Amino acid sequence: MGEKGEPLVITQNGEAKAVMQSIESYEQTQETMALLKILALGARQVEEGKVQSSADVIKGLRERRKAR
């Protein structure tokens, strides 16, 4: 790829048409995208009020354990 391992942009008539990158860079990009999706999902759940306090979660887990 580029001298510093950066993705290489391939152009046609001065317009970007494709990007070539190393497999390591591609995998890192995919991991980053997955983490961003998880963060976006979490933010949406917070906005929708689909959250519980840690105290409530711990209390519920303890109650479930006692019920066994």
PDB file of N, CA and C in Angstrom:
ATOM      1  N   MET A   1       0.836  -1.143   0.000  1.00  0.00           N
ATOM      2  CA  MET A   1       0.000   0.000   0.000  1.00  0.00           C
ATOM      3  C   MET A   1       0.900   1.231   0.000  1.00  0.00           C
ATOM      4  N   GLY A   2       0.463   2.311   0.619  1.00  0.00           N
ATOM      5  CA  GLY A   2       1.274   3.515   0.643  1.00  0.00           C
ATOM      6  C   GLY A   2       2.556   3.308   1.431  1.00  0.00           C
ATOM      7  N   GLU A   3       3.414   4.308   1.403  1.00  0.00           N
ATOM      8  CA  GLU A   3       4.703   4.196   2.078  1.00  0.00           C
ATOM      9  C   GLU A   3       4.563   3.919   3.571  1.00  0.00           C
ATOM     10  N   LYS A   4       3.561   4.457   4.204  1.00  0.00           N
ATOM     11  CA  LYS A   4       3.368   4.298   5.649  1.00  0.00           C
ATOM     12  C   LYS A   4       2.268   3.298   5.968  1.00  0.00           C
ATOM     13  N   GLY A   5       1.905   2.469   5.009  1.00  0.00           N
ATOM     14  CA  GLY A   5       0.862   1.477   5.237  1.00  0.00           C
ATOM     15  C   GLY A   5      -0.545   2.020   5.098  1.00  0.00           C
ATOM     16  N   GLU A   6      -0.669   3.247   4.597  1.00  0.00           N
ATOM     17  CA  GLU A   6      -1.995   3.839   4.428  1.00  0.00           C
ATOM     18  C   GLU A   6      -2.687   3.222   3.219  1.00  0.00           C
ATOM     19  N   PRO A   7      -3.999   3.278   3.201  1.00  0.00           N
ATOM     20  CA  PRO A   7      -4.729   2.781   2.035  1.00  0.00           C
ATOM     21  C   PRO A   7      -4.325   3.536   0.766  1.00  0.00           C
ATOM     22  N   LEU A   8      -4.382   2.866  -0.339  1.00  0.00           N
ATOM     23  CA  LEU A   8      -4.037   3.444  -1.635  1.00  0.00           C
ATOM     24  C   LEU A   8      -5.330   3.715  -2.395  1.00  0.00           C
ATOM     25  N   VAL A   9      -5.553   4.972  -2.772  1.00  0.00           N
ATOM     26  CA  VAL A   9      -6.755   5.357  -3.506  1.00  0.00           C
ATOM     27  C   VAL A   9      -6.460   5.258  -4.997  1.00  0.00           C
ATOM     28  N   ILE A  10      -7.284   4.532  -5.696  1.00  0.00           N
ATOM     29  CA  ILE A  10      -7.136   4.358  -7.142  1.00  0.00           C
ATOM     30  C   ILE A  10      -8.140   5.279  -7.824  1.00  0.00           C
ATOM     31  N   THR A  11      -7.635   6.088  -8.752  1.00  0.00           N
ATOM     32  CA  THR A  11      -8.497   7.051  -9.430  1.00  0.00           C
ATOM     33  C   THR A  11      -8.641   6.720 -10.915  1.00  0.00           C
ATOM     34  N   GLN A  12      -9.710   7.237 -11.479  1.00  0.00           N
ATOM     35  CA  GLN A  12      -9.946   7.126 -12.916  1.00  0.00           C
ATOM     36  C   GLN A  12     -10.431   8.488 -13.377  1.00  0.00           C
ATOM     37  N   ASN A  13      -9.705   9.093 -14.290  1.00  0.00           N
ATOM     38  CA  ASN A  13     -10.017  10.435 -14.769  1.00  0.00           C
ATOM     39  C   ASN A  13     -10.105  11.440 -13.612  1.00  0.00           C
ATOM     40  N   GLY A  14      -9.214  11.277 -12.636  1.00  0.00           N
ATOM     41  CA  GLY A  14      -9.156  12.193 -11.505  1.00  0.00           C
ATOM     42  C   GLY A  14     -10.208  11.969 -10.433  1.00  0.00           C
ATOM     43  N   GLU A  15     -10.997  10.930 -10.568  1.00  0.00           N
ATOM     44  CA  GLU A  15     -12.059  10.648  -9.602  1.00  0.00           C
ATOM     45  C   GLU A  15     -11.747   9.342  -8.869  1.00  0.00           C
ATOM     46  N   ALA A  16     -11.868   9.346  -7.538  1.00  0.00           N
ATOM     47  CA  ALA A  16     -11.605   8.144  -6.755  1.00  0.00           C
ATOM     48  C   ALA A  16     -12.593   7.056  -7.148  1.00  0.00           C
ATOM     49  N   LYS A  17     -12.069   5.861  -7.430  1.00  0.00           N
ATOM     50  CA  LYS A  17     -12.906   4.740  -7.855  1.00  0.00           C
ATOM     51  C   LYS A  17     -12.786   3.528  -6.949  1.00  0.00           C
ATOM     52  N   ALA A  18     -11.628   3.360  -6.298  1.00  0.00           N
ATOM     53  CA  ALA A  18     -11.421   2.193  -5.449  1.00  0.00           C
ATOM     54  C   ALA A  18     -10.347   2.503  -4.412  1.00  0.00           C
ATOM     55  N   VAL A  19     -10.340   1.698  -3.361  1.00  0.00           N
ATOM     56  CA  VAL A  19      -9.328   1.829  -2.313  1.00  0.00           C
ATOM     57  C   VAL A  19      -8.728   0.452  -2.076  1.00  0.00           C
ATOM     58  N   MET A  20      -7.400   0.404  -2.017  1.00  0.00           N
ATOM     59  CA  MET A  20      -6.699  -0.832  -1.725  1.00  0.00           C
ATOM     60  C   MET A  20      -6.006  -0.644  -0.380  1.00  0.00           C
ATOM     61  N   GLN A  21      -6.173  -1.631   0.505  1.00  0.00           N
ATOM     62  CA  GLN A  21      -5.532  -1.539   1.803  1.00  0.00           C
ATOM     63  C   GLN A  21      -5.052  -2.919   2.226  1.00  0.00           C
ATOM     64  N   SER A  22      -4.118  -2.952   3.170  1.00  0.00           N
ATOM     65  CA  SER A  22      -3.600  -4.227   3.649  1.00  0.00           C
ATOM     66  C   SER A  22      -4.691  -4.964   4.413  1.00  0.00           C
ATOM     67  N   ILE A  23      -4.533  -6.262   4.550  1.00  0.00           N
ATOM     68  CA  ILE A  23      -5.518  -7.052   5.280  1.00  0.00           C
ATOM     69  C   ILE A  23      -5.556  -6.624   6.739  1.00  0.00           C
ATOM     70  N   GLU A  24      -4.404  -6.264   7.307  1.00  0.00           N
ATOM     71  CA  GLU A  24      -4.366  -5.810   8.699  1.00  0.00           C
ATOM     72  C   GLU A  24      -5.184  -4.528   8.863  1.00  0.00           C
ATOM     73  N   SER A  25      -5.024  -3.605   7.933  1.00  0.00           N
ATOM     74  CA  SER A  25      -5.769  -2.357   7.970  1.00  0.00           C
ATOM     75  C   SER A  25      -7.261  -2.615   7.791  1.00  0.00           C
ATOM     76  N   TYR A  26      -7.601  -3.525   6.895  1.00  0.00           N
ATOM     77  CA  TYR A  26      -9.013  -3.876   6.657  1.00  0.00           C
ATOM     78  C   TYR A  26      -9.640  -4.464   7.920  1.00  0.00           C
ATOM     79  N   GLU A  27      -8.927  -5.398   8.551  1.00  0.00           N
ATOM     80  CA  GLU A  27      -9.453  -6.026   9.765  1.00  0.00           C
ATOM     81  C   GLU A  27      -9.619  -5.001  10.885  1.00  0.00           C
ATOM     82  N   GLN A  28      -8.672  -4.088  11.004  1.00  0.00           N
ATOM     83  CA  GLN A  28      -8.783  -3.047  12.023  1.00  0.00           C
ATOM     84  C   GLN A  28      -9.989  -2.151  11.738  1.00  0.00           C
ATOM     85  N   THR A  29     -10.210  -1.826  10.477  1.00  0.00           N
ATOM     86  CA  THR A  29     -11.367  -1.023  10.092  1.00  0.00           C
ATOM     87  C   THR A  29     -12.665  -1.740  10.445  1.00  0.00           C
ATOM     88  N   GLN A  30     -12.722  -3.042  10.181  1.00  0.00           N
ATOM     89  CA  GLN A  30     -13.923  -3.817  10.488  1.00  0.00           C
ATOM     90  C   GLN A  30     -14.189  -3.858  11.995  1.00  0.00           C
ATOM     91  N   GLU A  31     -13.130  -4.026  12.787  1.00  0.00           N
ATOM     92  CA  GLU A  31     -13.286  -4.028  14.240  1.00  0.00           C
ATOM     93  C   GLU A  31     -13.779  -2.669  14.733  1.00  0.00           C
ATOM     94  N   THR A  32     -13.219  -1.610  14.172  1.00  0.00           N
ATOM     95  CA  THR A  32     -13.634  -0.260  14.551  1.00  0.00           C
ATOM     96  C   THR A  32     -15.101  -0.038  14.219  1.00  0.00           C
ATOM     97  N   MET A  33     -15.529  -0.472  13.040  1.00  0.00           N
ATOM     98  CA  MET A  33     -16.926  -0.318  12.642  1.00  0.00           C
ATOM     99  C   MET A  33     -17.852  -1.102  13.582  1.00  0.00           C
ATOM    100  N   ALA A  34     -17.443  -2.303  13.976  1.00  0.00           N
ATOM    101  CA  ALA A  34     -18.257  -3.106  14.884  1.00  0.00           C
ATOM    102  C   ALA A  34     -18.412  -2.399  16.229  1.00  0.00           C
ATOM    103  N   LEU A  35     -17.318  -1.833  16.744  1.00  0.00           N
ATOM    104  CA  LEU A  35     -17.384  -1.113  18.016  1.00  0.00           C
ATOM    105  C   LEU A  35     -18.267   0.127  17.910  1.00  0.00           C
ATOM    106  N   LEU A  36     -18.181   0.829  16.796  1.00  0.00           N
ATOM    107  CA  LEU A  36     -19.024   2.012  16.606  1.00  0.00           C
ATOM    108  C   LEU A  36     -20.504   1.631  16.554  1.00  0.00           C
ATOM    109  N   LYS A  37     -20.810   0.503  15.931  1.00  0.00           N
ATOM    110  CA  LYS A  37     -22.206   0.036  15.886  1.00  0.00           C
ATOM    111  C   LYS A  37     -22.710  -0.294  17.285  1.00  0.00           C
ATOM    112  N   ILE A  38     -21.859  -0.937  18.095  1.00  0.00           N
ATOM    113  CA  ILE A  38     -22.239  -1.261  19.474  1.00  0.00           C
ATOM    114  C   ILE A  38     -22.480   0.017  20.266  1.00  0.00           C
ATOM    115  N   LEU A  39     -21.602   1.005  20.099  1.00  0.00           N
ATOM    116  CA  LEU A  39     -21.781   2.282  20.799  1.00  0.00           C
ATOM    117  C   LEU A  39     -23.062   2.983  20.365  1.00  0.00           C
ATOM    118  N   ALA A  40     -23.354   2.961  19.071  1.00  0.00           N
ATOM    119  CA  ALA A  40     -24.571   3.592  18.569  1.00  0.00           C
ATOM    120  C   ALA A  40     -25.809   2.885  19.124  1.00  0.00           C
ATOM    121  N   LEU A  41     -25.779   1.566  19.192  1.00  0.00           N
ATOM    122  CA  LEU A  41     -26.896   0.812  19.741  1.00  0.00           C
ATOM    123  C   LEU A  41     -27.089   1.170  21.213  1.00  0.00           C
ATOM    124  N   GLY A  42     -25.997   1.250  21.958  1.00  0.00           N
ATOM    125  CA  GLY A  42     -26.083   1.621  23.369  1.00  0.00           C
ATOM    126  C   GLY A  42     -26.645   3.012  23.561  1.00  0.00           C
ATOM    127  N   ALA A  43     -26.199   3.944  22.737  1.00  0.00           N
ATOM    128  CA  ALA A  43     -26.704   5.316  22.830  1.00  0.00           C
ATOM    129  C   ALA A  43     -28.200   5.362  22.532  1.00  0.00           C
ATOM    130  N   ARG A  44     -28.634   4.592  21.540  1.00  0.00           N
ATOM    131  CA  ARG A  44     -30.059   4.547  21.200  1.00  0.00           C
ATOM    132  C   ARG A  44     -30.870   3.965  22.354  1.00  0.00           C
ATOM    133  N   GLN A  45     -30.347   2.925  22.990  1.00  0.00           N
ATOM    134  CA  GLN A  45     -31.055   2.323  24.114  1.00  0.00           C
ATOM    135  C   GLN A  45     -31.155   3.299  25.285  1.00  0.00           C
ATOM    136  N   VAL A  46     -30.127   4.086  25.502  1.00  0.00           N
ATOM    137  CA  VAL A  46     -30.178   5.106  26.561  1.00  0.00           C
ATOM    138  C   VAL A  46     -31.249   6.135  26.228  1.00  0.00           C
ATOM    139  N   GLU A  47     -31.273   6.607  24.978  1.00  0.00           N
ATOM    140  CA  GLU A  47     -32.274   7.589  24.554  1.00  0.00           C
ATOM    141  C   GLU A  47     -33.695   7.055  24.726  1.00  0.00           C
ATOM    142  N   GLU A  48     -33.884   5.752  24.483  1.00  0.00           N
ATOM    143  CA  GLU A  48     -35.205   5.135  24.579  1.00  0.00           C
ATOM    144  C   GLU A  48     -35.550   4.729  26.012  1.00  0.00           C
ATOM    145  N   GLY A  49     -34.639   4.973  26.944  1.00  0.00           N
ATOM    146  CA  GLY A  49     -34.884   4.640  28.338  1.00  0.00           C
ATOM    147  C   GLY A  49     -34.785   3.154  28.653  1.00  0.00           C
ATOM    148  N   LYS A  50     -34.148   2.409  27.783  1.00  0.00           N
ATOM    149  CA  LYS A  50     -34.000   0.963  27.978  1.00  0.00           C
ATOM    150  C   LYS A  50     -32.731   0.674  28.787  1.00  0.00           C
ATOM    151  N   VAL A  51     -32.652   1.258  29.968  1.00  0.00           N
ATOM    152  CA  VAL A  51     -31.487   1.079  30.828  1.00  0.00           C
ATOM    153  C   VAL A  51     -31.935   0.787  32.246  1.00  0.00           C
ATOM    154  N   GLN A  52     -31.045   0.183  32.996  1.00  0.00           N
ATOM    155  CA  GLN A  52     -31.285  -0.085  34.405  1.00  0.00           C
ATOM    156  C   GLN A  52     -30.053   0.345  35.179  1.00  0.00           C
ATOM    157  N   SER A  53     -30.260   0.732  36.413  1.00  0.00           N
ATOM    158  CA  SER A  53     -29.110   1.083  37.240  1.00  0.00           C
ATOM    159  C   SER A  53     -28.370  -0.203  37.601  1.00  0.00           C
ATOM    160  N   SER A  54     -27.086  -0.070  37.886  1.00  0.00           N
ATOM    161  CA  SER A  54     -26.309  -1.250  38.265  1.00  0.00           C
ATOM    162  C   SER A  54     -26.859  -1.867  39.548  1.00  0.00           C
ATOM    163  N   ALA A  55     -27.347  -1.044  40.468  1.00  0.00           N
ATOM    164  CA  ALA A  55     -27.921  -1.561  41.721  1.00  0.00           C
ATOM    165  C   ALA A  55     -29.125  -2.445  41.433  1.00  0.00           C
ATOM    166  N   ASP A  56     -29.984  -2.030  40.513  1.00  0.00           N
ATOM    167  CA  ASP A  56     -31.160  -2.837  40.159  1.00  0.00           C
ATOM    168  C   ASP A  56     -30.756  -4.157  39.506  1.00  0.00           C
ATOM    169  N   VAL A  57     -29.752  -4.107  38.652  1.00  0.00           N
ATOM    170  CA  VAL A  57     -29.292  -5.330  37.977  1.00  0.00           C
ATOM    171  C   VAL A  57     -28.723  -6.304  39.001  1.00  0.00           C
ATOM    172  N   ILE A  58     -27.882  -5.813  39.904  1.00  0.00           N
ATOM    173  CA  ILE A  58     -27.281  -6.673  40.927  1.00  0.00           C
ATOM    174  C   ILE A  58     -28.363  -7.261  41.830  1.00  0.00           C
ATOM    175  N   LYS A  59     -29.330  -6.443  42.214  1.00  0.00           N
ATOM    176  CA  LYS A  59     -30.434  -6.917  43.060  1.00  0.00           C
ATOM    177  C   LYS A  59     -31.195  -8.037  42.346  1.00  0.00           C
ATOM    178  N   GLY A  60     -31.496  -7.842  41.069  1.00  0.00           N
ATOM    179  CA  GLY A  60     -32.207  -8.861  40.297  1.00  0.00           C
ATOM    180  C   GLY A  60     -31.413 -10.154  40.180  1.00  0.00           C
ATOM    181  N   LEU A  61     -30.106 -10.051  39.974  1.00  0.00           N
ATOM    182  CA  LEU A  61     -29.273 -11.240  39.879  1.00  0.00           C
ATOM    183  C   LEU A  61     -29.248 -12.005  41.208  1.00  0.00           C
ATOM    184  N   ARG A  62     -29.160 -11.263  42.299  1.00  0.00           N
ATOM    185  CA  ARG A  62     -29.148 -11.913  43.614  1.00  0.00           C
ATOM    186  C   ARG A  62     -30.471 -12.613  43.887  1.00  0.00           C
ATOM    187  N   GLU A  63     -31.571 -11.977  43.491  1.00  0.00           N
ATOM    188  CA  GLU A  63     -32.886 -12.588  43.681  1.00  0.00           C
ATOM    189  C   GLU A  63     -33.035 -13.860  42.850  1.00  0.00           C
ATOM    190  N   ARG A  64     -32.533 -13.828  41.638  1.00  0.00           N
ATOM    191  CA  ARG A  64     -32.597 -15.018  40.771  1.00  0.00           C
ATOM    192  C   ARG A  64     -31.763 -16.143  41.352  1.00  0.00           C
ATOM    193  N   ARG A  65     -30.613 -15.795  41.932  1.00  0.00           N
ATOM    194  CA  ARG A  65     -29.739 -16.831  42.515  1.00  0.00           C
ATOM    195  C   ARG A  65     -30.410 -17.476  43.727  1.00  0.00           C
ATOM    196  N   LYS A  66     -31.064 -16.655  44.542  1.00  0.00           N
ATOM    197  CA  LYS A  66     -31.741 -17.182  45.727  1.00  0.00           C
ATOM    198  C   LYS A  66     -32.920 -18.087  45.335  1.00  0.00           C
ATOM    199  N   ALA A  67     -33.565 -17.800  44.239  1.00  0.00           N
ATOM    200  CA  ALA A  67     -34.730 -18.568  43.792  1.00  0.00           C
ATOM    201  C   ALA A  67     -34.359 -19.970  43.314  1.00  0.00           C
ATOM    202  N   ARG A  68     -33.121 -20.204  43.059  1.00  0.00           N
ATOM    203  CA  ARG A  68     -32.695 -21.518  42.553  1.00  0.00           C
ATOM    204  C   ARG A  68     -32.729 -22.535  43.601  1.00  0.00           C
TER     205      ARG A  68
END
